C-alpha atoms as a PDB file:
ATOM      1  CA  MET A   1      34.542   0.583   6.901  1.00  0.00           C
ATOM      2  CA  LYS A   2      32.377   3.631   6.319  1.00  0.00           C
ATOM      3  CA  ARG A   3      29.115   3.534   8.234  1.00  0.00           C
ATOM      4  CA  PRO A   4      25.899   3.572   6.203  1.00  0.00           C
ATOM      5  CA  LYS A   5      24.095   6.896   5.976  1.00  0.00           C
ATOM      6  CA  ILE A   6      20.328   6.714   6.305  1.00  0.00           C
ATOM      7  CA  SER A   7      18.106   9.738   5.791  1.00  0.00           C
ATOM      8  CA  VAL A   8      14.605   9.811   7.234  1.00  0.00           C
ATOM      9  CA  ILE A   9      12.432  12.421   5.532  1.00  0.00           C
ATOM     10  CA  GLY A  10       9.784  13.720   7.909  1.00  0.00           C
ATOM     11  CA  ALA A  11      10.167  14.127  11.681  1.00  0.00           C
ATOM     12  CA  GLY A  12       6.598  13.289  12.594  1.00  0.00           C
ATOM     13  CA  ASN A  13       5.641  10.333  14.756  1.00  0.00           C
ATOM     14  CA  VAL A  14       6.582   7.643  12.228  1.00  0.00           C
ATOM     15  CA  GLY A  15       9.754   9.358  11.059  1.00  0.00           C
ATOM     16  CA  THR A  16      10.993   9.972  14.585  1.00  0.00           C
ATOM     17  CA  ASN A  17      10.350   6.407  15.686  1.00  0.00           C
ATOM     18  CA  THR A  18      12.014   5.116  12.531  1.00  0.00           C
ATOM     19  CA  ALA A  19      15.100   7.161  13.389  1.00  0.00           C
ATOM     20  CA  LEU A  20      14.946   5.842  16.953  1.00  0.00           C
ATOM     21  CA  PHE A  21      14.843   2.186  15.860  1.00  0.00           C
ATOM     22  CA  LEU A  22      17.700   2.691  13.398  1.00  0.00           C
ATOM     23  CA  PHE A  23      19.694   4.366  16.171  1.00  0.00           C
ATOM     24  CA  LEU A  24      18.998   1.708  18.804  1.00  0.00           C
ATOM     25  CA  LYS A  25      19.883  -1.082  16.370  1.00  0.00           C
ATOM     26  CA  ASP A  26      23.144   0.710  15.429  1.00  0.00           C
ATOM     27  CA  LEU A  27      22.407   0.289  11.738  1.00  0.00           C
ATOM     28  CA  GLY A  28      24.190   3.462  10.647  1.00  0.00           C
ATOM     29  CA  ASP A  29      24.216   7.202  11.099  1.00  0.00           C
ATOM     30  CA  VAL A  30      20.820   8.826  10.647  1.00  0.00           C
ATOM     31  CA  VAL A  31      19.835  12.197   9.229  1.00  0.00           C
ATOM     32  CA  LEU A  32      16.364  13.233  10.407  1.00  0.00           C
ATOM     33  CA  TYR A  33      15.078  15.907   8.019  1.00  0.00           C
ATOM     34  CA  ASP A  34      11.950  18.011   8.293  1.00  0.00           C
ATOM     35  CA  ILE A  35      10.897  21.341   6.802  1.00  0.00           C
ATOM     36  CA  LYS A  36      10.416  22.361  10.438  1.00  0.00           C
ATOM     37  CA  GLY A  37      14.118  22.138  11.124  1.00  0.00           C
ATOM     38  CA  ASP A  38      13.980  22.912  14.839  1.00  0.00           C
ATOM     39  CA  ILE A  39      11.559  20.040  15.383  1.00  0.00           C
ATOM     40  CA  ALA A  40      13.957  17.649  13.652  1.00  0.00           C
ATOM     41  CA  ARG A  41      16.940  19.039  15.553  1.00  0.00           C
ATOM     42  CA  GLY A  42      15.142  18.804  18.892  1.00  0.00           C
ATOM     43  CA  LYS A  43      13.988  15.227  18.366  1.00  0.00           C
ATOM     44  CA  ALA A  44      17.435  14.164  17.146  1.00  0.00           C
ATOM     45  CA  LEU A  45      19.019  15.730  20.225  1.00  0.00           C
ATOM     46  CA  ASP A  46      16.576  13.893  22.483  1.00  0.00           C
ATOM     47  CA  ILE A  47      17.442  10.585  20.783  1.00  0.00           C
ATOM     48  CA  MET A  48      21.189  11.276  21.044  1.00  0.00           C
ATOM     49  CA  HIS A  49      20.845  11.580  24.814  1.00  0.00           C
ATOM     50  CA  LEU A  50      20.108   7.846  24.766  1.00  0.00           C
ATOM     51  CA  ALA A  51      23.568   6.955  23.422  1.00  0.00           C
ATOM     52  CA  SER A  52      25.372   6.404  26.719  1.00  0.00           C
ATOM     53  CA  ILE A  53      22.262   4.961  28.350  1.00  0.00           C
ATOM     54  CA  TRP A  54      21.657   2.425  25.597  1.00  0.00           C
ATOM     55  CA  GLY A  55      25.310   1.889  24.721  1.00  0.00           C
ATOM     56  CA  THR A  56      25.504   2.787  21.050  1.00  0.00           C
ATOM     57  CA  ASN A  57      27.848   4.892  18.958  1.00  0.00           C
ATOM     58  CA  SER A  58      25.193   5.652  16.350  1.00  0.00           C
ATOM     59  CA  LYS A  59      24.418   9.265  15.592  1.00  0.00           C
ATOM     60  CA  VAL A  60      21.179  11.037  14.713  1.00  0.00           C
ATOM     61  CA  PHE A  61      21.502  14.478  13.133  1.00  0.00           C
ATOM     62  CA  GLY A  62      18.429  16.690  12.871  1.00  0.00           C
ATOM     63  CA  THR A  63      18.171  19.256  10.111  1.00  0.00           C
ATOM     64  CA  GLY A  64      15.925  21.501   8.082  1.00  0.00           C
ATOM     65  CA  ASP A  65      18.338  21.537   5.146  1.00  0.00           C
ATOM     66  CA  ILE A  66      17.717  18.809   2.549  1.00  0.00           C
ATOM     67  CA  GLU A  67      21.341  19.215   1.441  1.00  0.00           C
ATOM     68  CA  ASP A  68      22.350  17.311   4.585  1.00  0.00           C
ATOM     69  CA  THR A  69      20.794  14.145   3.158  1.00  0.00           C
ATOM     70  CA  LYS A  70      23.211  13.990   0.211  1.00  0.00           C
ATOM     71  CA  GLU A  71      25.075  10.746  -0.495  1.00  0.00           C
ATOM     72  CA  SER A  72      22.666   8.660   1.582  1.00  0.00           C
ATOM     73  CA  ASN A  73      22.769   4.901   1.172  1.00  0.00           C
ATOM     74  CA  LEU A  74      19.088   4.626   2.003  1.00  0.00           C
ATOM     75  CA  VAL A  75      16.287   7.182   2.218  1.00  0.00           C
ATOM     76  CA  VAL A  76      13.040   6.609   4.106  1.00  0.00           C
ATOM     77  CA  ILE A  77      10.123   8.861   3.132  1.00  0.00           C
ATOM     78  CA  THR A  78       7.561   9.349   5.889  1.00  0.00           C
ATOM     79  CA  ALA A  79       6.649  12.952   5.061  1.00  0.00           C
ATOM     80  CA  GLY A  80       3.098  13.680   4.014  1.00  0.00           C
ATOM     81  CA  LYS A  81      -0.241  14.963   5.128  1.00  0.00           C
ATOM     82  CA  ARG A  82      -2.626  12.984   7.267  1.00  0.00           C
ATOM     83  CA  ARG A  83      -6.236  12.735   6.181  1.00  0.00           C
ATOM     84  CA  THR A  84      -8.526  15.059   8.124  1.00  0.00           C
ATOM     85  CA  ALA A  85     -12.293  14.973   8.471  1.00  0.00           C
ATOM     86  CA  ASP A  86     -12.763  17.556   5.704  1.00  0.00           C
ATOM     87  CA  MET A  87     -10.347  15.860   3.309  1.00  0.00           C
ATOM     88  CA  THR A  88     -11.357  13.284   0.700  1.00  0.00           C
ATOM     89  CA  ARG A  89      -9.130  10.342  -0.240  1.00  0.00           C
ATOM     90  CA  ASP A  90      -8.514  12.068  -3.563  1.00  0.00           C
ATOM     91  CA  ASP A  91      -7.369  15.195  -1.701  1.00  0.00           C
ATOM     92  CA  LEU A  92      -4.881  13.135   0.270  1.00  0.00           C
ATOM     93  CA  LEU A  93      -3.690  11.379  -2.877  1.00  0.00           C
ATOM     94  CA  SER A  94      -3.140  14.653  -4.701  1.00  0.00           C
ATOM     95  CA  GLN A  95      -1.416  16.511  -1.872  1.00  0.00           C
ATOM     96  CA  ASN A  96       0.882  13.674  -0.889  1.00  0.00           C
ATOM     97  CA  GLY A  97       1.591  13.005  -4.549  1.00  0.00           C
ATOM     98  CA  GLU A  98       2.960  16.535  -4.844  1.00  0.00           C
ATOM     99  CA  ILE A  99       5.136  15.998  -1.761  1.00  0.00           C
ATOM    100  CA  ILE A 100       6.525  12.682  -3.019  1.00  0.00           C
ATOM    101  CA  THR A 101       7.228  14.151  -6.469  1.00  0.00           C
ATOM    102  CA  SER A 102       9.252  16.999  -4.998  1.00  0.00           C
ATOM    103  CA  LEU A 103      11.144  14.788  -2.548  1.00  0.00           C
ATOM    104  CA  VAL A 104      12.049  12.027  -4.983  1.00  0.00           C
ATOM    105  CA  ASP A 105      13.323  14.525  -7.524  1.00  0.00           C
ATOM    106  CA  THR A 106      15.629  15.908  -4.833  1.00  0.00           C
ATOM    107  CA  ILE A 107      16.653  12.452  -3.570  1.00  0.00           C
ATOM    108  CA  GLN A 108      17.822  11.235  -6.948  1.00  0.00           C
ATOM    109  CA  GLN A 109      19.886  14.404  -7.373  1.00  0.00           C
ATOM    110  CA  LYS A 110      21.471  14.269  -3.907  1.00  0.00           C
ATOM    111  CA  SER A 111      21.689  10.485  -3.440  1.00  0.00           C
ATOM    112  CA  PRO A 112      21.632   8.834  -6.882  1.00  0.00           C
ATOM    113  CA  ASP A 113      22.771   5.454  -5.524  1.00  0.00           C
ATOM    114  CA  ALA A 114      20.307   5.237  -2.632  1.00  0.00           C
ATOM    115  CA  PHE A 115      17.513   2.797  -1.942  1.00  0.00           C
ATOM    116  CA  ILE A 116      14.113   4.347  -1.189  1.00  0.00           C
ATOM    117  CA  ILE A 117      11.582   3.009   1.313  1.00  0.00           C
ATOM    118  CA  VAL A 118       8.207   4.772   1.087  1.00  0.00           C
ATOM    119  CA  VAL A 119       5.934   4.991   4.125  1.00  0.00           C
ATOM    120  CA  THR A 120       3.713   7.923   3.089  1.00  0.00           C
ATOM    121  CA  ASN A 121       0.077   6.997   2.421  1.00  0.00           C
ATOM    122  CA  PRO A 122      -1.580   5.868   0.255  1.00  0.00           C
ATOM    123  CA  LEU A 123       1.555   3.766   0.432  1.00  0.00           C
ATOM    124  CA  ASP A 124       1.430   1.550  -2.657  1.00  0.00           C
ATOM    125  CA  ALA A 125       0.459   4.411  -4.957  1.00  0.00           C
ATOM    126  CA  MET A 126       3.147   6.663  -3.476  1.00  0.00           C
ATOM    127  CA  ALA A 127       5.793   3.963  -3.982  1.00  0.00           C
ATOM    128  CA  HIS A 128       4.679   3.617  -7.602  1.00  0.00           C
ATOM    129  CA  LEU A 129       4.892   7.373  -8.053  1.00  0.00           C
ATOM    130  CA  ALA A 130       8.396   7.399  -6.562  1.00  0.00           C
ATOM    131  CA  LEU A 131       9.490   4.776  -9.074  1.00  0.00           C
ATOM    132  CA  GLU A 132       7.801   6.516 -11.991  1.00  0.00           C
ATOM    133  CA  ILE A 133       9.374   9.927 -11.484  1.00  0.00           C
ATOM    134  CA  SER A 134      12.830   8.621 -10.631  1.00  0.00           C
ATOM    135  CA  SER A 135      15.414   6.897 -12.777  1.00  0.00           C
ATOM    136  CA  PHE A 136      15.832   4.180 -10.167  1.00  0.00           C
ATOM    137  CA  GLU A 137      15.468   0.477 -10.895  1.00  0.00           C
ATOM    138  CA  PRO A 138      12.376  -1.210  -9.393  1.00  0.00           C
ATOM    139  CA  SER A 139      14.678  -3.167  -7.076  1.00  0.00           C
ATOM    140  CA  ARG A 140      15.666   0.069  -5.332  1.00  0.00           C
ATOM    141  CA  VAL A 141      12.180   1.434  -4.564  1.00  0.00           C
ATOM    142  CA  LEU A 142      10.052  -0.314  -1.938  1.00  0.00           C
ATOM    143  CA  GLY A 143       7.058   0.391   0.243  1.00  0.00           C
ATOM    144  CA  MET A 144       6.663  -0.533   3.907  1.00  0.00           C
ATOM    145  CA  SER A 145       3.399  -2.341   4.511  1.00  0.00           C
ATOM    146  CA  GLY A 146       3.474  -6.131   4.550  1.00  0.00           C
ATOM    147  CA  ILE A 147       5.666  -6.416   7.644  1.00  0.00           C
ATOM    148  CA  LEU A 148       3.336  -4.113   9.569  1.00  0.00           C
ATOM    149  CA  ASP A 149       0.176  -5.894   8.418  1.00  0.00           C
ATOM    150  CA  ALA A 150       1.645  -9.339   9.133  1.00  0.00           C
ATOM    151  CA  GLY A 151       2.690  -8.157  12.582  1.00  0.00           C
ATOM    152  CA  ARG A 152      -0.824  -6.988  13.300  1.00  0.00           C
ATOM    153  CA  LEU A 153      -2.269 -10.318  12.202  1.00  0.00           C
ATOM    154  CA  ALA A 154       0.206 -12.184  14.422  1.00  0.00           C
ATOM    155  CA  HIS A 155      -0.810 -10.097  17.418  1.00  0.00           C
ATOM    156  CA  PHE A 156      -4.508 -10.767  16.959  1.00  0.00           C
ATOM    157  CA  ILE A 157      -3.841 -14.489  16.508  1.00  0.00           C
ATOM    158  CA  ARG A 158      -1.879 -14.561  19.769  1.00  0.00           C
ATOM    159  CA  GLU A 159      -4.819 -12.953  21.548  1.00  0.00           C
ATOM    160  CA  LYS A 160      -6.865 -16.004  20.513  1.00  0.00           C
ATOM    161  CA  TYR A 161      -4.125 -18.586  21.090  1.00  0.00           C
ATOM    162  CA  PRO A 162      -1.472 -17.337  23.536  1.00  0.00           C
ATOM    163  CA  VAL A 163       1.909 -18.772  22.529  1.00  0.00           C
ATOM    164  CA  ALA A 164       5.353 -17.241  22.109  1.00  0.00           C
ATOM    165  CA  ILE A 165       5.166 -14.818  19.201  1.00  0.00           C
ATOM    166  CA  GLU A 166       8.050 -16.557  17.372  1.00  0.00           C
ATOM    167  CA  ASN A 167       5.758 -19.580  17.025  1.00  0.00           C
ATOM    168  CA  ILE A 168       3.340 -17.572  14.866  1.00  0.00           C
ATOM    169  CA  LEU A 169       4.047 -17.093  11.162  1.00  0.00           C
ATOM    170  CA  THR A 170       1.667 -14.891   9.194  1.00  0.00           C
ATOM    171  CA  THR A 171       1.291 -13.743   5.601  1.00  0.00           C
ATOM    172  CA  VAL A 172      -0.548 -10.642   4.404  1.00  0.00           C
ATOM    173  CA  LEU A 173      -0.498  -9.715   0.711  1.00  0.00           C
ATOM    174  CA  GLY A 174      -1.937  -6.935  -1.443  1.00  0.00           C
ATOM    175  CA  GLY A 175      -2.491  -3.238  -0.958  1.00  0.00           C
ATOM    176  CA  HIS A 176      -2.012  -1.471   2.360  1.00  0.00           C
ATOM    177  CA  GLY A 177      -5.639  -0.765   3.160  1.00  0.00           C
ATOM    178  CA  ASP A 178      -9.056  -2.357   3.366  1.00  0.00           C
ATOM    179  CA  SER A 179      -8.297  -4.600   0.375  1.00  0.00           C
ATOM    180  CA  MET A 180      -5.292  -6.279   1.992  1.00  0.00           C
ATOM    181  CA  VAL A 181      -5.306 -10.067   1.772  1.00  0.00           C
ATOM    182  CA  PRO A 182      -4.456 -11.919   5.015  1.00  0.00           C
ATOM    183  CA  VAL A 183      -3.571 -15.411   3.757  1.00  0.00           C
ATOM    184  CA  SER A 184      -4.783 -17.901   6.353  1.00  0.00           C
ATOM    185  CA  SER A 185      -3.593 -20.855   4.223  1.00  0.00           C
ATOM    186  CA  ASN A 186      -0.032 -19.582   4.625  1.00  0.00           C
ATOM    187  CA  SER A 187      -0.267 -18.589   8.288  1.00  0.00           C
ATOM    188  CA  PHE A 188       0.862 -21.039  10.950  1.00  0.00           C
ATOM    189  CA  ILE A 189       1.049 -21.609  14.693  1.00  0.00           C
ATOM    190  CA  SER A 190       4.029 -23.799  15.595  1.00  0.00           C
ATOM    191  CA  GLY A 191       3.988 -25.241  12.077  1.00  0.00           C
ATOM    192  CA  ARG A 192       0.286 -26.038  12.177  1.00  0.00           C
ATOM    193  CA  PRO A 193      -1.998 -24.365   9.635  1.00  0.00           C
ATOM    194  CA  LEU A 194      -4.142 -21.680  11.191  1.00  0.00           C
ATOM    195  CA  ASN A 195      -7.364 -23.542  10.436  1.00  0.00           C
ATOM    196  CA  GLN A 196      -6.162 -26.495  12.519  1.00  0.00           C
ATOM    197  CA  VAL A 197      -5.817 -24.321  15.610  1.00  0.00           C
ATOM    198  CA  LEU A 198      -8.506 -21.636  15.391  1.00  0.00           C
ATOM    199  CA  GLU A 199     -12.179 -21.951  14.551  1.00  0.00           C
ATOM    200  CA  LYS A 200     -13.445 -20.485  11.279  1.00  0.00           C
ATOM    201  CA  GLY A 201     -15.183 -17.649  13.099  1.00  0.00           C
ATOM    202  CA  GLU A 202     -12.017 -16.836  15.040  1.00  0.00           C
ATOM    203  CA  ILE A 203      -9.988 -16.690  11.828  1.00  0.00           C
ATOM    204  CA  GLU A 204     -12.533 -14.346  10.259  1.00  0.00           C
ATOM    205  CA  GLU A 205     -12.414 -12.170  13.354  1.00  0.00           C
ATOM    206  CA  VAL A 206      -8.602 -11.807  13.407  1.00  0.00           C
ATOM    207  CA  ILE A 207      -8.596 -11.040   9.677  1.00  0.00           C
ATOM    208  CA  GLU A 208     -11.153  -8.270  10.099  1.00  0.00           C
ATOM    209  CA  ARG A 209      -9.261  -6.846  13.083  1.00  0.00           C
ATOM    210  CA  THR A 210      -6.107  -6.817  10.964  1.00  0.00           C
ATOM    211  CA  ARG A 211      -7.823  -4.949   8.130  1.00  0.00           C
ATOM    212  CA  GLY A 212      -9.228  -2.413  10.536  1.00  0.00           C
ATOM    213  CA  ALA A 213      -6.216  -2.103  12.852  1.00  0.00           C
ATOM    214  CA  GLY A 214      -5.027   1.222  11.474  1.00  0.00           C
ATOM    215  CA  GLY A 215      -8.446   2.783  11.861  1.00  0.00           C
ATOM    216  CA  GLU A 216      -8.815   1.300  15.334  1.00  0.00           C
ATOM    217  CA  ILE A 217      -5.599   2.993  16.461  1.00  0.00           C
ATOM    218  CA  ILE A 218      -6.659   6.339  14.974  1.00  0.00           C
ATOM    219  CA  LYS A 219     -10.014   6.086  16.722  1.00  0.00           C
ATOM    220  CA  LEU A 220      -8.352   5.334  20.066  1.00  0.00           C
ATOM    221  CA  MET A 221      -5.668   8.019  20.101  1.00  0.00           C
ATOM    222  CA  GLY A 222      -6.505  10.420  17.318  1.00  0.00           C
ATOM    223  CA  THR A 223      -3.415   9.703  15.252  1.00  0.00           C
ATOM    224  CA  SER A 224      -2.035   6.835  13.212  1.00  0.00           C
ATOM    225  CA  SER A 225       0.316   4.106  14.384  1.00  0.00           C
ATOM    226  CA  MET A 226       3.953   5.079  14.871  1.00  0.00           C
ATOM    227  CA  TYR A 227       5.940   2.374  16.666  1.00  0.00           C
ATOM    228  CA  ALA A 228       5.289  -0.714  14.558  1.00  0.00           C
ATOM    229  CA  PRO A 229       5.823   1.134  11.240  1.00  0.00           C
ATOM    230  CA  GLY A 230       9.193   2.397  12.502  1.00  0.00           C
ATOM    231  CA  ALA A 231      10.223  -1.128  13.466  1.00  0.00           C
ATOM    232  CA  ALA A 232       9.099  -2.462  10.083  1.00  0.00           C
ATOM    233  CA  VAL A 233      11.290   0.066   8.269  1.00  0.00           C
ATOM    234  CA  TRP A 234      14.270  -0.885  10.445  1.00  0.00           C
ATOM    235  CA  LYS A 235      13.798  -4.545   9.530  1.00  0.00           C
ATOM    236  CA  MET A 236      13.768  -3.733   5.799  1.00  0.00           C
ATOM    237  CA  ALA A 237      16.723  -1.371   6.067  1.00  0.00           C
ATOM    238  CA  GLN A 238      18.812  -3.904   7.964  1.00  0.00           C
ATOM    239  CA  ALA A 239      18.112  -6.644   5.426  1.00  0.00           C
ATOM    240  CA  ILE A 240      19.345  -4.383   2.620  1.00  0.00           C
ATOM    241  CA  LEU A 241      22.289  -2.636   4.265  1.00  0.00           C
ATOM    242  CA  ARG A 242      23.660  -5.801   5.875  1.00  0.00           C
ATOM    243  CA  ASP A 243      22.892  -8.010   2.870  1.00  0.00           C
ATOM    244  CA  GLU A 244      20.935 -10.432   5.035  1.00  0.00           C
ATOM    245  CA  LYS A 245      19.044 -12.150   2.181  1.00  0.00           C
ATOM    246  CA  THR A 246      15.928 -12.032   4.340  1.00  0.00           C
ATOM    247  CA  ILE A 247      12.493 -12.753   2.903  1.00  0.00           C
ATOM    248  CA  LEU A 248      10.091 -10.053   4.071  1.00  0.00           C
ATOM    249  CA  PRO A 249       6.632  -8.962   2.901  1.00  0.00           C
ATOM    250  CA  CYS A 250       7.090  -5.556   1.249  1.00  0.00           C
ATOM    251  CA  SER A 251       5.297  -3.442  -1.310  1.00  0.00           C
ATOM    252  CA  VAL A 252       7.272  -4.053  -4.499  1.00  0.00           C
ATOM    253  CA  TYR A 253       6.785  -3.495  -8.208  1.00  0.00           C
ATOM    254  CA  LEU A 254       5.258  -6.557  -9.870  1.00  0.00           C
ATOM    255  CA  GLN A 255       6.188  -7.434 -13.440  1.00  0.00           C
ATOM    256  CA  GLY A 256       4.225 -10.608 -14.108  1.00  0.00           C
ATOM    257  CA  GLU A 257       4.371 -12.231 -10.684  1.00  0.00           C
ATOM    258  CA  TYR A 258       0.983 -13.529  -9.524  1.00  0.00           C
ATOM    259  CA  ASN A 259      -0.193 -12.673 -13.087  1.00  0.00           C
ATOM    260  CA  LEU A 260      -0.013  -8.996 -12.166  1.00  0.00           C
ATOM    261  CA  SER A 261       2.036  -6.221 -13.738  1.00  0.00           C
ATOM    262  CA  ASP A 262       2.702  -2.504 -13.352  1.00  0.00           C
ATOM    263  CA  VAL A 263       1.485  -2.309  -9.773  1.00  0.00           C
ATOM    264  CA  PHE A 264       3.003  -2.091  -6.291  1.00  0.00           C
ATOM    265  CA  LEU A 265       1.634  -4.692  -3.868  1.00  0.00           C
ATOM    266  CA  SER A 266       2.899  -6.328  -0.712  1.00  0.00           C
ATOM    267  CA  VAL A 267       4.308  -9.784  -1.439  1.00  0.00           C
ATOM    268  CA  PRO A 268       7.237 -11.757   0.029  1.00  0.00           C
ATOM    269  CA  ALA A 269      10.538 -10.425  -1.323  1.00  0.00           C
ATOM    270  CA  LEU A 270      14.150 -11.429  -0.795  1.00  0.00           C
ATOM    271  CA  LEU A 271      16.022  -8.339   0.388  1.00  0.00           C
ATOM    272  CA  GLY A 272      19.791  -7.947   0.198  1.00  0.00           C
ATOM    273  CA  LYS A 273      22.532  -5.580  -0.921  1.00  0.00           C
ATOM    274  CA  ASN A 274      20.817  -5.121  -4.304  1.00  0.00           C
ATOM    275  CA  GLY A 275      17.471  -4.256  -2.740  1.00  0.00           C
ATOM    276  CA  VAL A 276      14.687  -6.498  -4.008  1.00  0.00           C
ATOM    277  CA  GLU A 277      16.676  -9.503  -5.248  1.00  0.00           C
ATOM    278  CA  GLU A 278      13.771 -11.895  -5.782  1.00  0.00           C
ATOM    279  CA  ILE A 279       9.989 -11.786  -5.564  1.00  0.00           C
ATOM    280  CA  ILE A 280       8.567 -14.949  -4.032  1.00  0.00           C
ATOM    281  CA  GLU A 281       5.378 -16.368  -5.540  1.00  0.00           C
ATOM    282  CA  LEU A 282       3.348 -18.273  -2.981  1.00  0.00           C
ATOM    283  CA  PRO A 283       0.851 -20.955  -3.972  1.00  0.00           C
ATOM    284  CA  LEU A 284      -2.560 -19.355  -3.466  1.00  0.00           C
ATOM    285  CA  SER A 285      -6.054 -20.725  -3.628  1.00  0.00           C
ATOM    286  CA  LYS A 286      -8.355 -19.397  -6.349  1.00  0.00           C
ATOM    287  CA  ALA A 287     -10.163 -17.270  -3.775  1.00  0.00           C
ATOM    288  CA  GLU A 288      -6.905 -15.814  -2.415  1.00  0.00           C
ATOM    289  CA  LEU A 289      -5.572 -15.066  -5.898  1.00  0.00           C
ATOM    290  CA  LYS A 290      -8.857 -13.399  -6.833  1.00  0.00           C
ATOM    291  CA  ALA A 291      -8.694 -11.274  -3.671  1.00  0.00           C
ATOM    292  CA  LEU A 292      -5.125 -10.279  -4.539  1.00  0.00           C
ATOM    293  CA  HIS A 293      -6.202  -9.243  -8.048  1.00  0.00           C
ATOM    294  CA  ASN A 294      -9.101  -7.253  -6.585  1.00  0.00           C
ATOM    295  CA  SER A 295      -6.640  -5.508  -4.278  1.00  0.00           C
ATOM    296  CA  ALA A 296      -4.423  -4.743  -7.271  1.00  0.00           C
ATOM    297  CA  GLU A 297      -7.342  -3.093  -9.054  1.00  0.00           C
ATOM    298  CA  GLU A 298      -7.952  -0.808  -6.085  1.00  0.00           C
ATOM    299  CA  VAL A 299      -4.303   0.234  -6.050  1.00  0.00           C
ATOM    300  CA  LYS A 300      -4.296   0.728  -9.831  1.00  0.00           C
ATOM    301  CA  GLU A 301      -7.318   2.990  -9.542  1.00  0.00           C
ATOM    302  CA  LEU A 302      -5.286   5.261  -7.285  1.00  0.00           C
ATOM    303  CA  THR A 303      -2.313   5.256  -9.642  1.00  0.00           C
ATOM    304  CA  ARG A 304      -4.608   6.116 -12.552  1.00  0.00           C
ATOM    305  CA  LYS A 305      -5.721   9.197 -10.646  1.00  0.00           C
ATOM    306  CA  LEU A 306      -2.049  10.135 -10.370  1.00  0.00           C
ATOM    307  CA  ASN A 307      -1.732   9.651 -14.138  1.00  0.00           C
ATOM    308  CA  ILE A 308       0.815   6.883 -13.618  1.00  0.00           C
ATOM    309  CA  THR A 309      -1.080   4.227 -15.562  1.00  0.00           C
END
């Protein structure tokens, strides 16, 4: 059986770690592309030196030629500019919008049957743009966010109540940013609702830490997170390429679910060989549903600036 081909666009911190996770998990052969071809080639070579140490026959090929990504089964887009002190959010939106537009146009020409996972920020708006400018079905275009945000929430919960991490189940919905909606009513510790284990103040604290986790990491090390996003992409890619039928929180295109339409938000989705095979609607309280709709409005404001809606 032919091995899946996965192209990772952008050999920065997130792209490189995504390639590393895909390699270590032996999910397929990886093409690591960057406009700085030598950087991509060097990082791919470094990863390949792990093969005999780790015990995998996966391959990572670094390149500066986008032609090498052709006929990919899945394409992960991490390329984009990071926001600097002199850059407004609108500047970032505009510049990364131009990058996504160019890349997606190329992807659909080179790999017309691929799935696309968008990581570039602002993530939900960039995923929407990727869908809008491509001819792909909504089931084939996803954004990575919910897995990362849920993982962050789980970590902060475990700091308050130290148990094995597999005993903690968390749910985070909405946009990937300050308007995200950590759903405490659907977060559990060993099957017990969160509010039966933690005090109200503790729950509020872990929710705020989750919302601010990205900024906290940037403040500490001067750059954004790189390891957890790479792992989140691997989890999504594996569910699709191995047809696992796994329910994962991802940024997907809503068409009436949660009474929301024409917007990308993180919600639980069943992932399999057809991409997004089902969007799961959780029972939410009025306050949680209102927060989700408020988050949707923030995302839609970004897409309006991109002239999507």
